[in-house]
Amino acid sequence: MAELPPVKIRFLGLNDLAGLLRLYRFLNPRDPVLAEESPDVRDQWQAVLRDERLSYFGSEIDGVVVSTCTLCIVPNFTRSMRPYGVIENVVTDPAYRMKGLGTAILRHALEFSWTKGCYKVMLATGSKREETLRFYEKAGFKRGVKTGFVAHPDGQNPS
């Protein structure tokens, strides 16, 4: 396996929208394509960046964001008012998979969560593939601790 160039894991910012949208095409190929230039898309991205509870992390190689995940830290009134985290939208560019980038970005998000006082971080996946489930375990998540449920407004699963 060829060695990767230096990898930088960082918060995504205003100029990372195009890279994020590119990665999301790998995550949900059937989703409508969002145009970076769209005022609605730009406004939503700016709102995300202003929200201190949301963190979009990216792994960058040679100036290109090649993996990402989203962390939401939720204020809480249980567990001595310690917040909890929820991770979503974990994706790595297929050309960079199986190189440890997804594991690294998830561990980074977990470490950030712990610095914010989270007592737990949850992540859900729709995948039933054993290799996907082992990937999340390798990053520090345990399966079988909670049972997850999902509801959609029309009762249908959009995936």
Protein backbone atom coordinates (compact mmCIF):
# COMPACT_ATOMS: atom_id res chain seq x y z
CA MET A 1 0.00 0.00 0.00
CA ALA A 2 1.37 3.39 -0.98
CA GLU A 3 2.05 5.80 1.85
CA LEU A 4 -0.32 8.74 2.13
CA PRO A 5 0.88 12.32 1.88
CA PRO A 6 0.48 14.28 5.15
CA VAL A 7 -3.10 14.30 6.41
CA LYS A 8 -4.59 17.26 8.24
CA ILE A 9 -7.83 16.85 10.21
CA ARG A 10 -9.57 20.15 10.81
CA PHE A 11 -12.86 21.97 11.13
CA LEU A 12 -14.41 22.66 7.76
CA GLY A 13 -14.96 26.33 6.99
CA LEU A 14 -16.62 28.69 4.57
CA ASN A 15 -14.42 27.69 1.61
CA ASP A 16 -14.96 23.94 2.10
CA LEU A 17 -18.55 23.73 0.89
CA ALA A 18 -17.71 22.43 -2.59
CA GLY A 19 -15.50 19.68 -1.15
CA LEU A 20 -18.17 18.69 1.36
CA LEU A 21 -20.87 18.51 -1.32
CA ARG A 22 -18.53 16.42 -3.49
CA LEU A 23 -18.08 13.89 -0.67
CA TYR A 24 -21.81 13.74 0.01
CA ARG A 25 -22.34 12.55 -3.59
CA PHE A 26 -20.48 9.35 -2.53
CA LEU A 27 -22.58 9.06 0.63
CA ASN A 28 -26.02 9.38 -0.99
CA PRO A 29 -25.68 9.16 -4.78
CA ARG A 30 -29.46 9.31 -5.30
CA ASP A 31 -29.82 12.64 -3.48
CA PRO A 32 -30.41 15.71 -5.66
CA VAL A 33 -27.17 17.47 -6.55
CA LEU A 34 -26.79 20.66 -4.53
CA ALA A 35 -25.13 23.60 -6.26
CA GLU A 36 -22.54 25.38 -4.16
CA GLU A 37 -23.58 28.65 -5.83
CA SER A 38 -27.21 28.31 -4.74
CA PRO A 39 -28.12 31.06 -2.26
CA ASP A 40 -30.11 28.54 -0.19
CA VAL A 41 -27.15 26.17 0.01
CA ARG A 42 -24.72 28.99 0.88
CA ASP A 43 -27.11 30.36 3.52
CA GLN A 44 -27.51 26.94 5.11
CA TRP A 45 -23.73 26.42 5.17
CA GLN A 46 -23.22 29.81 6.81
CA ALA A 47 -25.91 28.98 9.41
CA VAL A 48 -24.15 25.67 10.14
CA LEU A 49 -20.82 27.44 10.60
CA ARG A 50 -22.38 29.93 13.04
CA ASP A 51 -23.90 27.17 15.20
CA GLU A 52 -21.43 26.37 17.97
CA ARG A 53 -23.10 23.01 18.57
CA LEU A 54 -22.29 21.76 15.08
CA SER A 55 -18.84 20.68 13.94
CA TYR A 56 -18.01 19.50 10.46
CA PHE A 57 -14.61 17.82 10.43
CA GLY A 58 -12.58 17.05 7.33
CA SER A 59 -9.44 15.11 6.53
CA GLU A 60 -7.40 17.08 4.03
CA ILE A 61 -4.68 15.74 1.73
CA ASP A 62 -2.87 18.07 -0.66
CA GLY A 63 -5.55 20.74 -0.13
CA VAL A 64 -8.47 18.40 -0.90
CA VAL A 65 -11.01 17.28 1.71
CA VAL A 66 -11.17 13.50 1.31
CA SER A 67 -13.23 12.44 4.33
CA THR A 68 -15.70 14.06 6.67
CA CYS A 69 -18.13 13.59 9.52
CA THR A 70 -20.59 15.82 11.30
CA LEU A 71 -20.81 16.12 15.09
CA CYS A 72 -23.73 17.71 16.93
CA ILE A 73 -23.30 18.36 20.64
CA VAL A 74 -26.65 18.38 22.41
CA PRO A 75 -27.19 20.21 25.72
CA ASN A 76 -28.66 17.91 28.35
CA PHE A 77 -30.39 17.95 31.75
CA THR A 78 -29.44 14.41 32.76
CA ARG A 79 -25.99 13.04 33.58
CA SER A 80 -25.17 16.11 35.70
CA MET A 81 -26.07 18.30 32.71
CA ARG A 82 -23.28 16.84 30.62
CA PRO A 83 -24.01 17.07 26.88
CA TYR A 84 -23.96 14.17 24.47
CA GLY A 85 -22.82 13.97 20.88
CA VAL A 86 -24.35 12.60 17.72
CA ILE A 87 -22.21 11.81 14.68
CA GLU A 88 -23.69 11.61 11.19
CA ASN A 89 -22.71 11.73 7.54
CA VAL A 90 -19.44 9.81 7.78
CA VAL A 91 -17.92 9.47 4.31
CA THR A 92 -14.52 9.02 2.68
CA ASP A 93 -13.74 9.51 -1.00
CA PRO A 94 -13.58 5.96 -2.48
CA ALA A 95 -10.04 6.63 -3.77
CA TYR A 96 -8.89 7.08 -0.14
CA ARG A 97 -10.81 4.31 1.63
CA MET A 98 -9.12 1.56 3.62
CA LYS A 99 -6.26 3.92 4.55
CA GLY A 100 -7.37 4.80 8.09
CA LEU A 101 -8.82 8.23 7.28
CA GLY A 102 -12.37 7.40 8.38
CA THR A 103 -11.14 5.91 11.64
CA ALA A 104 -8.90 8.93 12.25
CA ILE A 105 -11.66 11.48 11.66
CA LEU A 106 -14.07 9.61 13.94
CA ARG A 107 -11.47 9.40 16.70
CA HIS A 108 -10.82 13.12 16.23
CA ALA A 109 -14.55 13.84 16.62
CA LEU A 110 -14.67 11.67 19.74
CA GLU A 111 -11.69 13.46 21.29
CA PHE A 112 -13.31 16.82 20.55
CA SER A 113 -16.54 15.56 22.19
CA TRP A 114 -14.67 14.57 25.33
CA THR A 115 -13.09 18.05 25.55
CA LYS A 116 -16.63 19.49 25.44
CA GLY A 117 -17.66 17.30 28.40
CA CYS A 118 -19.86 14.86 26.50
CA TYR A 119 -20.71 11.78 28.54
CA LYS A 120 -21.35 9.75 25.37
CA VAL A 121 -21.36 10.01 21.59
CA MET A 122 -23.82 8.10 19.44
CA LEU A 123 -23.59 7.10 15.82
CA ALA A 124 -26.12 5.21 13.73
CA THR A 125 -25.54 3.43 10.45
CA GLY A 126 -27.98 1.95 8.00
CA SER A 127 -25.38 -0.56 6.91
CA LYS A 128 -25.68 -4.21 7.89
CA ARG A 129 -22.30 -5.06 6.36
CA GLU A 130 -19.98 -6.63 8.91
CA GLU A 131 -16.94 -4.73 7.60
CA THR A 132 -18.78 -1.43 8.12
CA LEU A 133 -19.77 -2.38 11.65
CA ARG A 134 -16.17 -3.43 12.44
CA PHE A 135 -14.98 -0.08 11.04
CA TYR A 136 -17.10 1.78 13.59
CA GLU A 137 -15.92 -0.51 16.38
CA LYS A 138 -12.30 0.12 15.41
CA ALA A 139 -12.97 3.86 15.70
CA GLY A 140 -14.17 3.41 19.30
CA PHE A 141 -17.91 2.70 19.08
CA LYS A 142 -19.61 -0.31 20.66
CA ARG A 143 -22.51 -2.08 19.05
CA GLY A 144 -25.40 -3.50 20.98
CA VAL A 145 -25.32 -0.86 23.72
CA LYS A 146 -28.51 0.89 22.58
CA THR A 147 -31.28 0.03 20.14
CA GLY A 148 -31.81 2.59 17.40
CA PHE A 149 -35.05 3.57 15.73
CA VAL A 150 -35.66 5.95 12.83
CA ALA A 151 -38.87 7.72 11.81
CA HIS A 152 -39.47 9.65 8.60
CA PRO A 153 -42.28 12.17 8.00
CA ASP A 154 -43.96 10.08 5.30
CA GLY A 155 -43.28 6.74 6.99
CA GLN A 156 -40.92 5.75 4.18
CA ASN A 157 -37.18 5.17 4.26
CA PRO A 158 -35.57 7.59 1.78
CA SER A 159 -32.41 5.48 1.38
